[in-house]
Amino acid sequence: MTDDLLSASEARRAYWDTVYAEGVPSEFSWYQAIPESLDIIEATRIEPDAGIIDVGGGASTLVDHLLAKGFTDVTVLDISAKGLDLAQARLGQDADRVKWIVADATQWTPDREYDLWHDHATFHYLMDIDEQQAYMDGLRAAVPLDGHVVISGFSLEGPRRTDGLAVIRRNPDRFGFALEGDFTLKFQTDKNHITPTGTVQNFAYSLFRRTNLSPVAVPDD
C-alpha cells in the first residue's frame, strides 16, 4: 500500500467520522428506511445461516432487516467507527448478534469467506484505479465459488457528486468491468432513490454470482 493510498484512506476516515458525528442518519441523503437492495438479496435465496457482509454499511438499516428476516451470520464493515456506533446503538441488544469491523475496504484483508457481499454506494466513491483494484482484491478473497455480490452506485442518470464528494457513475452492467472473468451478471436494474429532502437520485443495482476462481493479488505491505 503506497503512502498516497494510505493518506487517501486517512482522509476518507476523517471525513466520514465527521459526517456521522455531526449528522442524523435519517437525514443523510443515502438513508433508506427499507433498503432498495433488500429484495435483490432475497432473490438469491441464500440460507438463513449464510454469511453476509455489508461493506460500507455504516449506520444503514440493512442490518436491522437482515436480522428481522432470520439471518444469523451478519457482518457490517465500515471505515467510520462512529457510523458503526450509531448502528449498534439503534440495534440495542441485537447488536451482539452482528460482527462489526472498522476498516477501509481498500486496505482490509478478509479472514473468512462470505456467501454474499453487499455494497450500497461505497465502491462508487473510489476514483483511484489502484483503490478500485484493492477493493476488488478483497472482494475476490472474500467471496467463494457460487457466492453472490450485490453492488450499487449512481447510474449514468445520477448526480456526479454527493455529500461533497465526486463519484463514478455507471450503468448496472458496468460494475462488471472489475469482476470480469470471475463473476457472472445475473440481474441488473435502475431504481430511483428519494432522499429525505425530496431529491431524486438514480442508482444502478447489480447482482453477480461467482462462477470462476482466479488468483488474488497479494497486497503490498
C-alpha atoms as a PDB file:
ATOM      1  CA  MET A   1       0.000   0.000   0.000  1.00  0.00           C
ATOM      2  CA  THR A   2       1.554   3.293  -1.098  1.00  0.00           C
ATOM      3  CA  ASP A   3       1.793   6.398   1.063  1.00  0.00           C
ATOM      4  CA  ASP A   4      -0.663   8.154  -1.263  1.00  0.00           C
ATOM      5  CA  LEU A   5      -3.295   5.450  -0.770  1.00  0.00           C
ATOM      6  CA  LEU A   6      -2.733   5.466   2.977  1.00  0.00           C
ATOM      7  CA  SER A   7      -3.179   9.231   3.044  1.00  0.00           C
ATOM      8  CA  ALA A   8      -6.347   8.941   0.970  1.00  0.00           C
ATOM      9  CA  SER A   9      -7.688   6.356   3.401  1.00  0.00           C
ATOM     10  CA  GLU A  10      -6.905   8.508   6.432  1.00  0.00           C
ATOM     11  CA  ALA A  11      -8.628  11.492   4.824  1.00  0.00           C
ATOM     12  CA  ARG A  12     -11.656   9.327   3.976  1.00  0.00           C
ATOM     13  CA  ARG A  13     -11.886   8.041   7.546  1.00  0.00           C
ATOM     14  CA  ALA A  14     -11.725  11.563   8.971  1.00  0.00           C
ATOM     15  CA  TYR A  15     -14.376  12.747   6.527  1.00  0.00           C
ATOM     16  CA  TRP A  16     -16.897  10.038   7.378  1.00  0.00           C
ATOM     17  CA  ASP A  17     -16.252  10.270  11.115  1.00  0.00           C
ATOM     18  CA  THR A  18     -17.143  13.959  10.863  1.00  0.00           C
ATOM     19  CA  VAL A  19     -20.267  13.237   8.806  1.00  0.00           C
ATOM     20  CA  TYR A  20     -21.535  10.740  11.365  1.00  0.00           C
ATOM     21  CA  ALA A  21     -20.544  12.874  14.344  1.00  0.00           C
ATOM     22  CA  GLU A  22     -22.377  15.945  13.081  1.00  0.00           C
ATOM     23  CA  GLY A  23     -25.392  14.465  11.285  1.00  0.00           C
ATOM     24  CA  VAL A  24     -28.531  12.443  11.928  1.00  0.00           C
ATOM     25  CA  PRO A  25     -28.663   9.144   9.965  1.00  0.00           C
ATOM     26  CA  SER A  26     -32.325   9.512   8.970  1.00  0.00           C
ATOM     27  CA  GLU A  27     -31.448  12.867   7.364  1.00  0.00           C
ATOM     28  CA  PHE A  28     -28.480  11.645   5.308  1.00  0.00           C
ATOM     29  CA  SER A  29     -29.013  11.714   1.548  1.00  0.00           C
ATOM     30  CA  TRP A  30     -28.476   7.949   1.271  1.00  0.00           C
ATOM     31  CA  TYR A  31     -30.875   6.999   4.077  1.00  0.00           C
ATOM     32  CA  GLN A  32     -33.365   4.250   3.212  1.00  0.00           C
ATOM     33  CA  ALA A  33     -35.823   3.071   5.855  1.00  0.00           C
ATOM     34  CA  ILE A  34     -36.235  -0.087   3.771  1.00  0.00           C
ATOM     35  CA  PRO A  35     -33.085  -0.673   1.699  1.00  0.00           C
ATOM     36  CA  GLU A  36     -33.747  -0.901  -2.029  1.00  0.00           C
ATOM     37  CA  SER A  37     -31.344  -3.831  -2.342  1.00  0.00           C
ATOM     38  CA  LEU A  38     -33.201  -5.991   0.182  1.00  0.00           C
ATOM     39  CA  ASP A  39     -35.401  -7.612  -2.455  1.00  0.00           C
ATOM     40  CA  ILE A  40     -32.325  -8.403  -4.558  1.00  0.00           C
ATOM     41  CA  ILE A  41     -30.695 -10.126  -1.595  1.00  0.00           C
ATOM     42  CA  GLU A  42     -33.861 -12.143  -1.011  1.00  0.00           C
ATOM     43  CA  ALA A  43     -33.914 -13.133  -4.699  1.00  0.00           C
ATOM     44  CA  THR A  44     -30.611 -15.002  -4.235  1.00  0.00           C
ATOM     45  CA  ARG A  45     -32.457 -17.457  -1.947  1.00  0.00           C
ATOM     46  CA  ILE A  46     -29.437 -17.816   0.307  1.00  0.00           C
ATOM     47  CA  GLU A  47     -29.983 -19.779   3.503  1.00  0.00           C
ATOM     48  CA  PRO A  48     -30.596 -18.043   6.868  1.00  0.00           C
ATOM     49  CA  ASP A  49     -27.170 -19.174   8.111  1.00  0.00           C
ATOM     50  CA  ALA A  50     -25.350 -17.838   5.050  1.00  0.00           C
ATOM     51  CA  GLY A  51     -22.510 -15.445   5.741  1.00  0.00           C
ATOM     52  CA  ILE A  52     -23.377 -11.881   4.695  1.00  0.00           C
ATOM     53  CA  ILE A  53     -21.121  -8.833   4.791  1.00  0.00           C
ATOM     54  CA  ASP A  54     -22.397  -5.289   4.291  1.00  0.00           C
ATOM     55  CA  VAL A  55     -19.382  -3.313   3.086  1.00  0.00           C
ATOM     56  CA  GLY A  56     -19.615   0.376   3.890  1.00  0.00           C
ATOM     57  CA  GLY A  57     -22.718  -0.359   5.952  1.00  0.00           C
ATOM     58  CA  GLY A  58     -22.135   2.418   8.470  1.00  0.00           C
ATOM     59  CA  ALA A  59     -25.447   3.378  10.068  1.00  0.00           C
ATOM     60  CA  SER A  60     -27.509   1.717   7.312  1.00  0.00           C
ATOM     61  CA  THR A  61     -30.717  -0.052   8.322  1.00  0.00           C
ATOM     62  CA  LEU A  62     -29.931  -3.098   6.167  1.00  0.00           C
ATOM     63  CA  VAL A  63     -28.566  -4.985   9.167  1.00  0.00           C
ATOM     64  CA  ASP A  64     -31.857  -4.462  11.045  1.00  0.00           C
ATOM     65  CA  HIS A  65     -33.824  -6.019   8.199  1.00  0.00           C
ATOM     66  CA  LEU A  66     -31.423  -8.932   7.745  1.00  0.00           C
ATOM     67  CA  LEU A  67     -31.717  -9.836  11.425  1.00  0.00           C
ATOM     68  CA  ALA A  68     -35.500  -9.476  11.289  1.00  0.00           C
ATOM     69  CA  LYS A  69     -35.599 -11.908   8.358  1.00  0.00           C
ATOM     70  CA  GLY A  70     -33.716 -14.513  10.375  1.00  0.00           C
ATOM     71  CA  PHE A  71     -30.186 -14.227   9.022  1.00  0.00           C
ATOM     72  CA  THR A  72     -27.762 -15.331  11.717  1.00  0.00           C
ATOM     73  CA  ASP A  73     -24.287 -14.633  10.280  1.00  0.00           C
ATOM     74  CA  VAL A  74     -24.160 -10.914   9.504  1.00  0.00           C
ATOM     75  CA  THR A  75     -21.071  -8.692   9.389  1.00  0.00           C
ATOM     76  CA  VAL A  76     -21.002  -4.922   8.863  1.00  0.00           C
ATOM     77  CA  LEU A  77     -17.783  -3.232   7.761  1.00  0.00           C
ATOM     78  CA  ASP A  78     -17.229   0.497   7.608  1.00  0.00           C
ATOM     79  CA  ILE A  79     -14.301   2.894   7.665  1.00  0.00           C
ATOM     80  CA  SER A  80     -16.034   5.005  10.322  1.00  0.00           C
ATOM     81  CA  ALA A  81     -16.257   3.686  13.872  1.00  0.00           C
ATOM     82  CA  LYS A  82     -18.746   6.466  14.585  1.00  0.00           C
ATOM     83  CA  GLY A  83     -21.067   5.173  11.873  1.00  0.00           C
ATOM     84  CA  LEU A  84     -20.984   1.669  13.316  1.00  0.00           C
ATOM     85  CA  ASP A  85     -21.541   3.060  16.816  1.00  0.00           C
ATOM     86  CA  LEU A  86     -24.793   4.633  15.607  1.00  0.00           C
ATOM     87  CA  ALA A  87     -25.969   1.341  14.111  1.00  0.00           C
ATOM     88  CA  GLN A  88     -25.125  -0.565  17.294  1.00  0.00           C
ATOM     89  CA  ALA A  89     -26.943   1.967  19.467  1.00  0.00           C
ATOM     90  CA  ARG A  90     -30.010   1.666  17.265  1.00  0.00           C
ATOM     91  CA  LEU A  91     -29.997  -2.137  17.467  1.00  0.00           C
ATOM     92  CA  GLY A  92     -29.505  -2.277  21.232  1.00  0.00           C
ATOM     93  CA  GLN A  93     -29.029  -5.845  22.452  1.00  0.00           C
ATOM     94  CA  ASP A  94     -29.407  -7.145  18.884  1.00  0.00           C
ATOM     95  CA  ALA A  95     -26.035  -5.552  18.091  1.00  0.00           C
ATOM     96  CA  ASP A  96     -24.435  -8.551  19.816  1.00  0.00           C
ATOM     97  CA  ARG A  97     -25.792 -10.738  17.001  1.00  0.00           C
ATOM     98  CA  VAL A  98     -23.627  -8.901  14.458  1.00  0.00           C
ATOM     99  CA  LYS A  99     -19.877  -8.793  13.826  1.00  0.00           C
ATOM    100  CA  TRP A 100     -18.640  -5.207  13.433  1.00  0.00           C
ATOM    101  CA  ILE A 101     -15.429  -4.369  11.566  1.00  0.00           C
ATOM    102  CA  VAL A 102     -13.851  -0.909  11.438  1.00  0.00           C
ATOM    103  CA  ALA A 103     -11.748  -0.923   8.267  1.00  0.00           C
ATOM    104  CA  ASP A 104     -11.221   0.685   4.898  1.00  0.00           C
ATOM    105  CA  ALA A 105     -12.421  -1.769   2.245  1.00  0.00           C
ATOM    106  CA  THR A 106      -9.423  -0.831   0.087  1.00  0.00           C
ATOM    107  CA  GLN A 107      -6.987  -1.989   2.793  1.00  0.00           C
ATOM    108  CA  TRP A 108      -8.885  -4.785   4.508  1.00  0.00           C
ATOM    109  CA  THR A 109      -7.813  -8.418   4.190  1.00  0.00           C
ATOM    110  CA  PRO A 110     -10.747 -10.814   4.834  1.00  0.00           C
ATOM    111  CA  ASP A 111     -10.091 -13.601   7.323  1.00  0.00           C
ATOM    112  CA  ARG A 112     -13.026 -15.706   6.129  1.00  0.00           C
ATOM    113  CA  GLU A 113     -15.418 -16.157   3.214  1.00  0.00           C
ATOM    114  CA  TYR A 114     -18.919 -14.722   2.802  1.00  0.00           C
ATOM    115  CA  ASP A 115     -21.788 -16.137   0.774  1.00  0.00           C
ATOM    116  CA  LEU A 116     -22.970 -12.626  -0.051  1.00  0.00           C
ATOM    117  CA  TRP A 117     -21.068  -9.344  -0.357  1.00  0.00           C
ATOM    118  CA  HIS A 118     -23.300  -6.271  -0.261  1.00  0.00           C
ATOM    119  CA  ASP A 119     -22.206  -2.747  -1.147  1.00  0.00           C
ATOM    120  CA  HIS A 120     -24.625   0.146  -1.447  1.00  0.00           C
ATOM    121  CA  ALA A 121     -22.741   3.188  -2.739  1.00  0.00           C
ATOM    122  CA  THR A 122     -19.273   2.565  -1.318  1.00  0.00           C
ATOM    123  CA  PHE A 123     -17.379   1.441  -4.408  1.00  0.00           C
ATOM    124  CA  HIS A 124     -18.697   4.373  -6.448  1.00  0.00           C
ATOM    125  CA  TYR A 125     -16.688   6.800  -4.262  1.00  0.00           C
ATOM    126  CA  LEU A 126     -13.394   5.193  -5.293  1.00  0.00           C
ATOM    127  CA  MET A 127     -11.953   7.387  -8.040  1.00  0.00           C
ATOM    128  CA  ASP A 128      -8.426   5.940  -7.993  1.00  0.00           C
ATOM    129  CA  ILE A 129      -7.750   2.855 -10.128  1.00  0.00           C
ATOM    130  CA  ASP A 130      -5.384   1.362  -7.527  1.00  0.00           C
ATOM    131  CA  GLU A 131      -8.026   1.736  -4.814  1.00  0.00           C
ATOM    132  CA  GLN A 132     -10.638   0.139  -7.057  1.00  0.00           C
ATOM    133  CA  GLN A 133      -8.279  -2.787  -7.635  1.00  0.00           C
ATOM    134  CA  ALA A 134      -7.518  -3.128  -3.919  1.00  0.00           C
ATOM    135  CA  TYR A 135     -11.243  -3.183  -3.140  1.00  0.00           C
ATOM    136  CA  MET A 136     -11.843  -5.885  -5.748  1.00  0.00           C
ATOM    137  CA  ASP A 137      -8.897  -7.941  -4.467  1.00  0.00           C
ATOM    138  CA  GLY A 138     -10.592  -8.005  -1.061  1.00  0.00           C
ATOM    139  CA  LEU A 139     -13.910  -8.927  -2.629  1.00  0.00           C
ATOM    140  CA  ARG A 140     -12.380 -11.797  -4.587  1.00  0.00           C
ATOM    141  CA  ALA A 141     -10.658 -13.088  -1.457  1.00  0.00           C
ATOM    142  CA  ALA A 142     -13.941 -12.983   0.470  1.00  0.00           C
ATOM    143  CA  VAL A 143     -16.482 -14.421  -1.984  1.00  0.00           C
ATOM    144  CA  PRO A 144     -16.269 -18.159  -2.726  1.00  0.00           C
ATOM    145  CA  LEU A 145     -17.408 -20.061  -5.793  1.00  0.00           C
ATOM    146  CA  ASP A 146     -21.211 -19.690  -6.153  1.00  0.00           C
ATOM    147  CA  GLY A 147     -21.165 -16.726  -3.764  1.00  0.00           C
ATOM    148  CA  HIS A 148     -23.109 -13.556  -4.568  1.00  0.00           C
ATOM    149  CA  VAL A 149     -22.267  -9.873  -4.903  1.00  0.00           C
ATOM    150  CA  VAL A 150     -24.925  -7.158  -4.692  1.00  0.00           C
ATOM    151  CA  ILE A 151     -23.422  -3.797  -5.599  1.00  0.00           C
ATOM    152  CA  SER A 152     -24.946  -0.424  -6.370  1.00  0.00           C
ATOM    153  CA  GLY A 153     -23.983   3.161  -7.071  1.00  0.00           C
ATOM    154  CA  PHE A 154     -25.143   6.139  -9.076  1.00  0.00           C
ATOM    155  CA  SER A 155     -26.221   5.314 -12.618  1.00  0.00           C
ATOM    156  CA  LEU A 156     -25.395   7.488 -15.613  1.00  0.00           C
ATOM    157  CA  GLU A 157     -28.604   9.359 -14.791  1.00  0.00           C
ATOM    158  CA  GLY A 158     -27.456  10.032 -11.232  1.00  0.00           C
ATOM    159  CA  PRO A 159     -25.530  13.039  -9.915  1.00  0.00           C
ATOM    160  CA  ARG A 160     -21.797  13.449 -10.413  1.00  0.00           C
ATOM    161  CA  ARG A 161     -21.264  14.423  -6.777  1.00  0.00           C
ATOM    162  CA  THR A 162     -22.955  13.642  -3.482  1.00  0.00           C
ATOM    163  CA  ASP A 163     -22.274  14.798   0.067  1.00  0.00           C
ATOM    164  CA  GLY A 164     -19.486  16.966  -1.266  1.00  0.00           C
ATOM    165  CA  LEU A 165     -17.623  14.068  -2.897  1.00  0.00           C
ATOM    166  CA  ALA A 166     -17.177  13.088  -6.536  1.00  0.00           C
ATOM    167  CA  VAL A 167     -18.416   9.663  -7.619  1.00  0.00           C
ATOM    168  CA  ILE A 168     -18.060   7.421 -10.647  1.00  0.00           C
ATOM    169  CA  ARG A 169     -21.400   6.853 -12.354  1.00  0.00           C
ATOM    170  CA  ARG A 170     -22.139   3.523 -14.026  1.00  0.00           C
ATOM    171  CA  ASN A 171     -24.901   1.612 -15.716  1.00  0.00           C
ATOM    172  CA  PRO A 172     -25.746  -1.604 -13.819  1.00  0.00           C
ATOM    173  CA  ASP A 173     -23.732  -3.850 -16.132  1.00  0.00           C
ATOM    174  CA  ARG A 174     -20.696  -1.581 -15.886  1.00  0.00           C
ATOM    175  CA  PHE A 175     -19.915  -2.805 -12.372  1.00  0.00           C
ATOM    176  CA  GLY A 176     -18.915  -5.990 -14.140  1.00  0.00           C
ATOM    177  CA  PHE A 177     -15.770  -4.427 -15.600  1.00  0.00           C
ATOM    178  CA  ALA A 178     -13.959  -5.047 -12.322  1.00  0.00           C
ATOM    179  CA  LEU A 179     -15.471  -8.515 -11.835  1.00  0.00           C
ATOM    180  CA  GLU A 180     -14.924  -9.748 -15.369  1.00  0.00           C
ATOM    181  CA  GLY A 181     -13.783 -13.324 -15.674  1.00  0.00           C
ATOM    182  CA  ASP A 182     -14.764 -14.468 -12.192  1.00  0.00           C
ATOM    183  CA  PHE A 183     -18.376 -13.339 -11.801  1.00  0.00           C
ATOM    184  CA  THR A 184     -21.484 -13.661 -13.959  1.00  0.00           C
ATOM    185  CA  LEU A 185     -24.059 -10.878 -14.042  1.00  0.00           C
ATOM    186  CA  LYS A 186     -27.410 -12.368 -13.001  1.00  0.00           C
ATOM    187  CA  PHE A 187     -29.579  -9.277 -12.615  1.00  0.00           C
ATOM    188  CA  GLN A 188     -29.411  -5.542 -13.195  1.00  0.00           C
ATOM    189  CA  THR A 189     -31.789  -2.644 -12.741  1.00  0.00           C
ATOM    190  CA  ASP A 190     -32.048   1.074 -12.080  1.00  0.00           C
ATOM    191  CA  LYS A 191     -34.005   2.436  -9.123  1.00  0.00           C
ATOM    192  CA  ASN A 192     -34.889   5.970  -8.126  1.00  0.00           C
ATOM    193  CA  HIS A 193     -33.937   6.821  -4.577  1.00  0.00           C
ATOM    194  CA  ILE A 194     -35.786   9.716  -2.969  1.00  0.00           C
ATOM    195  CA  THR A 195     -33.573  11.500  -0.446  1.00  0.00           C
ATOM    196  CA  PRO A 196     -35.012  12.855   2.837  1.00  0.00           C
ATOM    197  CA  THR A 197     -35.093  16.299   1.205  1.00  0.00           C
ATOM    198  CA  GLY A 198     -37.062  15.017  -1.797  1.00  0.00           C
ATOM    199  CA  THR A 199     -34.223  14.889  -4.345  1.00  0.00           C
ATOM    200  CA  VAL A 200     -34.331  12.021  -6.845  1.00  0.00           C
ATOM    201  CA  GLN A 201     -31.101  10.054  -7.271  1.00  0.00           C
ATOM    202  CA  ASN A 202     -30.961   7.225  -9.798  1.00  0.00           C
ATOM    203  CA  PHE A 203     -28.990   4.162  -8.679  1.00  0.00           C
ATOM    204  CA  ALA A 204     -27.729   1.222 -10.713  1.00  0.00           C
ATOM    205  CA  TYR A 205     -28.070  -2.147  -8.943  1.00  0.00           C
ATOM    206  CA  SER A 206     -26.327  -5.348  -9.994  1.00  0.00           C
ATOM    207  CA  LEU A 207     -26.343  -8.926  -8.748  1.00  0.00           C
ATOM    208  CA  PHE A 208     -23.390 -11.155  -9.626  1.00  0.00           C
ATOM    209  CA  ARG A 209     -22.637 -14.790  -8.879  1.00  0.00           C
ATOM    210  CA  ARG A 210     -19.121 -16.149  -8.674  1.00  0.00           C
ATOM    211  CA  THR A 211     -18.584 -18.725 -11.401  1.00  0.00           C
ATOM    212  CA  ASN A 212     -14.787 -18.919 -11.568  1.00  0.00           C
ATOM    213  CA  LEU A 213     -11.838 -18.711  -9.202  1.00  0.00           C
ATOM    214  CA  SER A 214      -8.679 -16.860 -10.224  1.00  0.00           C
ATOM    215  CA  PRO A 215      -5.608 -15.989  -8.176  1.00  0.00           C
ATOM    216  CA  VAL A 216      -5.898 -12.944  -5.928  1.00  0.00           C
ATOM    217  CA  ALA A 217      -3.088 -10.434  -5.960  1.00  0.00           C
ATOM    218  CA  VAL A 218      -1.073 -10.276  -2.754  1.00  0.00           C
ATOM    219  CA  PRO A 219      -1.315  -6.705  -1.361  1.00  0.00           C
ATOM    220  CA  ASP A 220       1.862  -4.699  -0.755  1.00  0.00           C
ATOM    221  CA  ASP A 221       2.940  -4.145   2.845  1.00  0.00           C
END
